Amino acid sequence: MVSHLPGPGPGGNNPSPKLTRQQKGKLGEEAACRWLREHNYQIIEQNWRCRRGEIDIIASYGELLVFVEVRSRSGAGHYGTPQESVDVRKMQQVRSTAAIYLQQSREKELQIRFDMIAVMLDTTGRIVTMDHIVNAF
């Protein structure tokens, strides 16, 4: 289990307002980058964008180039788990975006892999669980 303790909200020590989707995503991506670095991944890019879409994290791990989709949720009851939110359409979008990255970066000699990091947050933004799914799609 990974733990992240955010600072006080805008009102000092008062409870902070509900986190936005963007805030949850940012907290999840920051935690995912920390975890990857701690496990000997080298972060090459974060939030790499092109006309086809965005890749959350591009990292190298030995001879591998790893494209990482990060999904964050707070409360699985309403919208499902982070893992359930990556559908076939999202997988195809990440793969086609990765193809453009590979074409532009000339990283063709490396093996590639698509991972997912699923982050569950509590209502304050603390990380409850984080699962790294290797070779997710």
N, C-alpha and C. Protein backbone atom coordinates (compact mmCIF):
# COMPACT_ATOMS: atom_id res chain seq x y z
N MET A 1 0.85 -1.18 0.00
CA MET A 1 0.00 0.00 0.00
C MET A 1 0.89 1.23 0.00
N VAL A 2 0.50 2.19 -0.80
CA VAL A 2 1.24 3.45 -0.91
C VAL A 2 0.40 4.53 -0.26
N SER A 3 1.05 5.46 0.42
CA SER A 3 0.31 6.49 1.12
C SER A 3 0.79 7.87 0.68
N HIS A 4 -0.14 8.75 0.46
CA HIS A 4 0.16 10.13 0.08
C HIS A 4 -0.66 11.04 0.98
N LEU A 5 -0.01 11.97 1.62
CA LEU A 5 -0.73 12.89 2.50
C LEU A 5 -0.70 14.28 1.90
N PRO A 6 -1.82 14.71 1.31
CA PRO A 6 -1.84 16.06 0.73
C PRO A 6 -1.82 17.12 1.82
N GLY A 7 -1.42 18.30 1.45
CA GLY A 7 -1.42 19.41 2.39
C GLY A 7 -2.83 19.87 2.68
N PRO A 8 -2.98 20.80 3.60
CA PRO A 8 -4.32 21.29 3.92
C PRO A 8 -4.96 21.95 2.71
N GLY A 9 -6.27 21.93 2.69
CA GLY A 9 -6.99 22.56 1.59
C GLY A 9 -6.85 24.07 1.63
N PRO A 10 -7.55 24.77 0.72
CA PRO A 10 -7.42 26.22 0.64
C PRO A 10 -7.79 26.95 1.92
N GLY A 11 -8.58 26.33 2.77
CA GLY A 11 -9.00 26.99 4.00
C GLY A 11 -8.15 26.64 5.19
N GLY A 12 -6.89 26.27 4.99
CA GLY A 12 -6.03 25.90 6.10
C GLY A 12 -6.28 24.47 6.51
N ASN A 13 -6.64 24.25 7.79
CA ASN A 13 -6.87 22.89 8.28
C ASN A 13 -8.32 22.45 8.15
N ASN A 14 -9.18 23.28 7.59
CA ASN A 14 -10.56 22.88 7.38
C ASN A 14 -10.61 21.77 6.35
N PRO A 15 -11.63 20.93 6.42
CA PRO A 15 -11.74 19.87 5.41
C PRO A 15 -11.78 20.49 4.01
N SER A 16 -11.05 19.87 3.09
CA SER A 16 -11.01 20.42 1.74
C SER A 16 -12.25 20.00 0.97
N PRO A 17 -12.63 20.79 -0.04
CA PRO A 17 -13.80 20.43 -0.83
C PRO A 17 -13.54 19.16 -1.62
N LYS A 18 -14.60 18.59 -2.17
CA LYS A 18 -14.51 17.37 -2.95
C LYS A 18 -13.48 17.56 -4.07
N LEU A 19 -12.65 16.54 -4.27
CA LEU A 19 -11.63 16.61 -5.31
C LEU A 19 -12.25 16.56 -6.70
N THR A 20 -11.70 17.34 -7.61
CA THR A 20 -12.16 17.29 -8.99
C THR A 20 -11.53 16.09 -9.69
N ARG A 21 -12.05 15.74 -10.83
CA ARG A 21 -11.49 14.65 -11.63
C ARG A 21 -10.03 14.92 -11.96
N GLN A 22 -9.73 16.16 -12.29
CA GLN A 22 -8.35 16.53 -12.64
C GLN A 22 -7.42 16.38 -11.42
N GLN A 23 -7.90 16.78 -10.25
CA GLN A 23 -7.08 16.65 -9.03
C GLN A 23 -6.80 15.18 -8.72
N LYS A 24 -7.83 14.34 -8.85
CA LYS A 24 -7.65 12.91 -8.61
C LYS A 24 -6.64 12.34 -9.60
N GLY A 25 -6.76 12.73 -10.86
CA GLY A 25 -5.84 12.25 -11.88
C GLY A 25 -4.41 12.67 -11.59
N LYS A 26 -4.23 13.91 -11.18
CA LYS A 26 -2.89 14.42 -10.88
C LYS A 26 -2.28 13.68 -9.68
N LEU A 27 -3.07 13.49 -8.62
CA LEU A 27 -2.58 12.75 -7.46
C LEU A 27 -2.18 11.33 -7.84
N GLY A 28 -3.03 10.69 -8.65
CA GLY A 28 -2.73 9.33 -9.09
C GLY A 28 -1.47 9.25 -9.94
N GLU A 29 -1.30 10.19 -10.86
CA GLU A 29 -0.11 10.19 -11.72
C GLU A 29 1.15 10.49 -10.93
N GLU A 30 1.08 11.40 -9.97
CA GLU A 30 2.25 11.69 -9.13
C GLU A 30 2.66 10.44 -8.34
N ALA A 31 1.68 9.75 -7.77
CA ALA A 31 1.97 8.53 -7.01
C ALA A 31 2.53 7.45 -7.92
N ALA A 32 1.98 7.32 -9.11
CA ALA A 32 2.45 6.31 -10.06
C ALA A 32 3.90 6.58 -10.46
N CYS A 33 4.24 7.84 -10.71
CA CYS A 33 5.63 8.18 -11.06
C CYS A 33 6.57 7.86 -9.92
N ARG A 34 6.17 8.19 -8.69
CA ARG A 34 7.01 7.87 -7.53
C ARG A 34 7.25 6.36 -7.44
N TRP A 35 6.16 5.60 -7.58
CA TRP A 35 6.27 4.14 -7.48
C TRP A 35 7.19 3.59 -8.57
N LEU A 36 7.01 4.07 -9.80
CA LEU A 36 7.85 3.59 -10.90
C LEU A 36 9.32 3.91 -10.64
N ARG A 37 9.61 5.14 -10.22
CA ARG A 37 11.00 5.52 -9.93
C ARG A 37 11.60 4.64 -8.83
N GLU A 38 10.79 4.38 -7.79
CA GLU A 38 11.26 3.53 -6.68
C GLU A 38 11.56 2.10 -7.13
N HIS A 39 10.96 1.70 -8.26
CA HIS A 39 11.16 0.35 -8.78
C HIS A 39 12.01 0.35 -10.06
N ASN A 40 12.90 1.33 -10.15
CA ASN A 40 13.94 1.40 -11.19
C ASN A 40 13.44 1.67 -12.60
N TYR A 41 12.29 2.30 -12.72
CA TYR A 41 11.84 2.79 -14.02
C TYR A 41 12.38 4.21 -14.18
N GLN A 42 12.75 4.57 -15.39
CA GLN A 42 13.17 5.93 -15.70
C GLN A 42 12.02 6.62 -16.41
N ILE A 43 11.50 7.68 -15.85
CA ILE A 43 10.39 8.42 -16.48
C ILE A 43 10.96 9.24 -17.64
N ILE A 44 10.43 9.00 -18.82
CA ILE A 44 10.87 9.72 -20.02
C ILE A 44 9.93 10.90 -20.30
N GLU A 45 8.64 10.64 -20.22
CA GLU A 45 7.62 11.66 -20.50
C GLU A 45 6.45 11.49 -19.56
N GLN A 46 5.81 12.61 -19.24
CA GLN A 46 4.52 12.60 -18.53
C GLN A 46 3.55 13.40 -19.37
N ASN A 47 2.34 12.89 -19.48
CA ASN A 47 1.27 13.55 -20.22
C ASN A 47 1.70 13.93 -21.63
N TRP A 48 2.28 12.97 -22.35
CA TRP A 48 2.71 13.20 -23.73
C TRP A 48 1.47 13.24 -24.63
N ARG A 49 1.34 14.32 -25.40
CA ARG A 49 0.14 14.51 -26.23
C ARG A 49 0.50 14.63 -27.70
N CYS A 50 -0.44 14.18 -28.52
CA CYS A 50 -0.39 14.40 -29.96
C CYS A 50 -1.84 14.45 -30.45
N ARG A 51 -2.02 14.51 -31.73
CA ARG A 51 -3.38 14.64 -32.28
C ARG A 51 -4.27 13.44 -31.96
N ARG A 52 -3.68 12.26 -31.71
CA ARG A 52 -4.46 11.05 -31.43
C ARG A 52 -4.88 10.92 -29.98
N GLY A 53 -4.15 11.58 -29.07
CA GLY A 53 -4.51 11.43 -27.67
C GLY A 53 -3.34 11.74 -26.75
N GLU A 54 -3.40 11.16 -25.57
CA GLU A 54 -2.39 11.42 -24.54
C GLU A 54 -1.96 10.10 -23.90
N ILE A 55 -0.69 10.04 -23.56
CA ILE A 55 -0.17 8.91 -22.78
C ILE A 55 0.27 9.49 -21.45
N ASP A 56 -0.24 8.89 -20.37
CA ASP A 56 0.02 9.43 -19.03
C ASP A 56 1.51 9.40 -18.69
N ILE A 57 2.13 8.24 -18.84
CA ILE A 57 3.55 8.10 -18.50
C ILE A 57 4.23 7.22 -19.54
N ILE A 58 5.40 7.66 -19.99
CA ILE A 58 6.26 6.84 -20.83
C ILE A 58 7.54 6.66 -20.03
N ALA A 59 7.92 5.40 -19.82
CA ALA A 59 9.09 5.10 -18.99
C ALA A 59 9.94 4.03 -19.65
N SER A 60 11.20 4.00 -19.26
CA SER A 60 12.04 2.90 -19.71
C SER A 60 12.32 2.01 -18.50
N TYR A 61 12.44 0.72 -18.79
CA TYR A 61 12.73 -0.26 -17.75
C TYR A 61 13.64 -1.29 -18.39
N GLY A 62 14.92 -1.14 -18.17
CA GLY A 62 15.88 -2.00 -18.85
C GLY A 62 15.81 -1.75 -20.35
N GLU A 63 15.57 -2.80 -21.10
CA GLU A 63 15.46 -2.70 -22.56
C GLU A 63 14.03 -2.47 -23.03
N LEU A 64 13.14 -2.18 -22.10
CA LEU A 64 11.73 -1.98 -22.43
C LEU A 64 11.36 -0.50 -22.44
N LEU A 65 10.45 -0.15 -23.34
CA LEU A 65 9.80 1.15 -23.32
C LEU A 65 8.37 0.86 -22.86
N VAL A 66 7.98 1.46 -21.74
CA VAL A 66 6.69 1.13 -21.12
C VAL A 66 5.76 2.32 -21.20
N PHE A 67 4.59 2.09 -21.80
CA PHE A 67 3.53 3.10 -21.87
C PHE A 67 2.55 2.78 -20.75
N VAL A 68 2.33 3.75 -19.86
CA VAL A 68 1.54 3.50 -18.65
C VAL A 68 0.28 4.36 -18.67
N GLU A 69 -0.85 3.71 -18.56
CA GLU A 69 -2.14 4.38 -18.38
C GLU A 69 -2.42 4.39 -16.89
N VAL A 70 -2.66 5.58 -16.33
CA VAL A 70 -2.95 5.71 -14.90
C VAL A 70 -4.43 6.03 -14.75
N ARG A 71 -5.11 5.27 -13.90
CA ARG A 71 -6.51 5.52 -13.61
C ARG A 71 -6.71 5.68 -12.12
N SER A 72 -7.37 6.76 -11.74
CA SER A 72 -7.61 7.06 -10.32
C SER A 72 -9.11 7.12 -10.05
N ARG A 73 -9.49 6.61 -8.91
CA ARG A 73 -10.89 6.66 -8.49
C ARG A 73 -10.93 6.89 -6.99
N SER A 74 -12.04 7.48 -6.54
CA SER A 74 -12.30 7.56 -5.11
C SER A 74 -13.69 7.00 -4.89
N GLY A 75 -13.75 5.78 -4.41
CA GLY A 75 -15.03 5.13 -4.18
C GLY A 75 -15.45 4.30 -5.37
N ALA A 76 -15.25 2.99 -5.32
CA ALA A 76 -15.55 2.10 -6.45
C ALA A 76 -17.04 1.87 -6.62
N GLY A 77 -17.83 2.20 -5.61
CA GLY A 77 -19.25 1.90 -5.67
C GLY A 77 -20.00 2.56 -6.81
N HIS A 78 -19.66 3.81 -7.13
CA HIS A 78 -20.43 4.55 -8.12
C HIS A 78 -19.98 4.32 -9.55
N TYR A 79 -18.70 4.30 -9.78
CA TYR A 79 -18.21 4.27 -11.16
C TYR A 79 -17.34 3.07 -11.47
N GLY A 80 -17.26 2.09 -10.59
CA GLY A 80 -16.43 0.92 -10.81
C GLY A 80 -14.99 1.17 -10.40
N THR A 81 -14.19 0.15 -10.58
CA THR A 81 -12.78 0.24 -10.22
C THR A 81 -12.01 0.97 -11.31
N PRO A 82 -10.81 1.43 -10.99
CA PRO A 82 -9.99 2.05 -12.03
C PRO A 82 -9.74 1.09 -13.19
N GLN A 83 -9.50 -0.19 -12.88
CA GLN A 83 -9.24 -1.17 -13.92
C GLN A 83 -10.41 -1.28 -14.89
N GLU A 84 -11.62 -1.23 -14.37
CA GLU A 84 -12.82 -1.37 -15.20
C GLU A 84 -13.01 -0.19 -16.15
N SER A 85 -12.35 0.92 -15.86
CA SER A 85 -12.55 2.12 -16.69
C SER A 85 -11.72 2.10 -17.97
N VAL A 86 -10.82 1.15 -18.11
CA VAL A 86 -10.03 1.06 -19.35
C VAL A 86 -10.72 0.06 -20.27
N ASP A 87 -11.45 0.60 -21.24
CA ASP A 87 -12.19 -0.24 -22.17
C ASP A 87 -11.39 -0.45 -23.46
N VAL A 88 -11.94 -1.21 -24.38
CA VAL A 88 -11.26 -1.52 -25.64
C VAL A 88 -10.93 -0.24 -26.40
N ARG A 89 -11.85 0.71 -26.42
CA ARG A 89 -11.61 1.97 -27.12
C ARG A 89 -10.40 2.71 -26.55
N LYS A 90 -10.28 2.74 -25.21
CA LYS A 90 -9.15 3.41 -24.56
C LYS A 90 -7.84 2.68 -24.88
N MET A 91 -7.88 1.36 -24.87
CA MET A 91 -6.68 0.58 -25.19
C MET A 91 -6.21 0.90 -26.63
N GLN A 92 -7.16 0.95 -27.55
CA GLN A 92 -6.81 1.25 -28.95
C GLN A 92 -6.25 2.66 -29.07
N GLN A 93 -6.82 3.60 -28.33
CA GLN A 93 -6.35 4.99 -28.38
C GLN A 93 -4.93 5.09 -27.84
N VAL A 94 -4.62 4.40 -26.75
CA VAL A 94 -3.28 4.42 -26.18
C VAL A 94 -2.29 3.78 -27.16
N ARG A 95 -2.68 2.66 -27.77
CA ARG A 95 -1.79 1.99 -28.72
C ARG A 95 -1.51 2.87 -29.94
N SER A 96 -2.52 3.52 -30.47
CA SER A 96 -2.29 4.37 -31.66
C SER A 96 -1.49 5.62 -31.29
N THR A 97 -1.68 6.15 -30.10
CA THR A 97 -0.88 7.29 -29.64
C THR A 97 0.57 6.85 -29.44
N ALA A 98 0.76 5.66 -28.89
CA ALA A 98 2.11 5.13 -28.70
C ALA A 98 2.82 4.94 -30.04
N ALA A 99 2.08 4.51 -31.06
CA ALA A 99 2.67 4.33 -32.39
C ALA A 99 3.20 5.66 -32.93
N ILE A 100 2.47 6.73 -32.70
CA ILE A 100 2.93 8.05 -33.14
C ILE A 100 4.17 8.45 -32.34
N TYR A 101 4.16 8.21 -31.03
CA TYR A 101 5.33 8.52 -30.22
C TYR A 101 6.55 7.77 -30.75
N LEU A 102 6.39 6.49 -31.02
CA LEU A 102 7.51 5.68 -31.50
C LEU A 102 8.03 6.20 -32.84
N GLN A 103 7.12 6.60 -33.70
CA GLN A 103 7.52 7.14 -35.01
C GLN A 103 8.30 8.44 -34.84
N GLN A 104 7.84 9.30 -33.95
CA GLN A 104 8.50 10.59 -33.75
C GLN A 104 9.80 10.48 -32.96
N SER A 105 9.87 9.53 -32.02
CA SER A 105 11.03 9.46 -31.13
C SER A 105 12.14 8.55 -31.65
N ARG A 106 11.82 7.76 -32.65
CA ARG A 106 12.78 6.80 -33.22
C ARG A 106 13.28 5.80 -32.17
N GLU A 107 12.40 5.40 -31.27
CA GLU A 107 12.74 4.42 -30.23
C GLU A 107 12.40 3.00 -30.70
N LYS A 108 12.49 2.75 -32.00
CA LYS A 108 12.03 1.49 -32.58
C LYS A 108 12.83 0.27 -32.12
N GLU A 109 14.06 0.46 -31.64
CA GLU A 109 14.88 -0.69 -31.27
C GLU A 109 14.49 -1.29 -29.92
N LEU A 110 13.69 -0.59 -29.13
CA LEU A 110 13.28 -1.10 -27.82
C LEU A 110 12.01 -1.94 -27.93
N GLN A 111 11.91 -2.94 -27.08
CA GLN A 111 10.66 -3.68 -26.92
C GLN A 111 9.67 -2.75 -26.21
N ILE A 112 8.39 -2.90 -26.49
CA ILE A 112 7.41 -2.05 -25.81
C ILE A 112 6.44 -2.89 -24.99
N ARG A 113 5.85 -2.23 -24.01
CA ARG A 113 4.88 -2.89 -23.15
C ARG A 113 3.86 -1.84 -22.73
N PHE A 114 2.62 -2.27 -22.52
CA PHE A 114 1.54 -1.39 -22.06
C PHE A 114 1.11 -1.83 -20.67
N ASP A 115 1.33 -0.97 -19.69
CA ASP A 115 0.97 -1.24 -18.30
C ASP A 115 -0.17 -0.31 -17.88
N MET A 116 -0.74 -0.63 -16.76
CA MET A 116 -1.75 0.24 -16.16
C MET A 116 -1.45 0.33 -14.66
N ILE A 117 -1.64 1.52 -14.11
CA ILE A 117 -1.55 1.68 -12.67
C ILE A 117 -2.90 2.20 -12.19
N ALA A 118 -3.52 1.40 -11.33
CA ALA A 118 -4.84 1.71 -10.79
C ALA A 118 -4.69 2.26 -9.38
N VAL A 119 -5.21 3.45 -9.15
CA VAL A 119 -5.05 4.13 -7.86
C VAL A 119 -6.43 4.37 -7.26
N MET A 120 -6.60 3.90 -6.04
CA MET A 120 -7.82 4.19 -5.28
C MET A 120 -7.48 5.23 -4.22
N LEU A 121 -8.27 6.31 -4.20
CA LEU A 121 -8.07 7.40 -3.25
C LEU A 121 -9.23 7.45 -2.27
N ASP A 122 -8.96 7.99 -1.09
CA ASP A 122 -10.09 8.28 -0.21
C ASP A 122 -10.61 9.67 -0.57
N THR A 123 -11.60 10.15 0.13
CA THR A 123 -12.22 11.43 -0.24
C THR A 123 -11.31 12.63 -0.02
N THR A 124 -10.23 12.45 0.75
CA THR A 124 -9.31 13.56 0.99
C THR A 124 -8.12 13.55 0.02
N GLY A 125 -8.04 12.53 -0.82
CA GLY A 125 -6.92 12.44 -1.76
C GLY A 125 -5.80 11.55 -1.30
N ARG A 126 -5.97 10.90 -0.16
CA ARG A 126 -4.95 9.94 0.30
C ARG A 126 -5.09 8.66 -0.51
N ILE A 127 -3.94 8.08 -0.83
CA ILE A 127 -3.95 6.84 -1.61
C ILE A 127 -4.24 5.67 -0.69
N VAL A 128 -5.27 4.92 -1.05
CA VAL A 128 -5.69 3.76 -0.28
C VAL A 128 -4.98 2.52 -0.84
N THR A 129 -5.05 2.33 -2.15
CA THR A 129 -4.36 1.22 -2.81
C THR A 129 -3.83 1.69 -4.15
N MET A 130 -2.78 0.98 -4.59
CA MET A 130 -2.24 1.26 -5.91
C MET A 130 -1.77 -0.08 -6.48
N ASP A 131 -2.29 -0.44 -7.65
CA ASP A 131 -1.94 -1.69 -8.29
C ASP A 131 -1.28 -1.41 -9.62
N HIS A 132 -0.09 -1.98 -9.82
CA HIS A 132 0.63 -1.87 -11.11
C HIS A 132 0.34 -3.16 -11.87
N ILE A 133 -0.37 -3.04 -12.96
CA ILE A 133 -0.72 -4.18 -13.79
C ILE A 133 0.23 -4.18 -14.99
N VAL A 134 1.17 -5.11 -14.94
CA VAL A 134 2.18 -5.24 -15.99
C VAL A 134 1.56 -5.92 -17.20
N ASN A 135 1.86 -5.41 -18.38
CA ASN A 135 1.35 -6.00 -19.63
C ASN A 135 -0.17 -6.03 -19.61
N ALA A 136 -0.78 -4.94 -19.23
CA ALA A 136 -2.23 -4.86 -19.03
C ALA A 136 -3.02 -5.05 -20.33
N PHE A 137 -2.44 -4.60 -21.45
CA PHE A 137 -3.13 -4.76 -22.74
C PHE A 137 -2.15 -4.70 -23.88
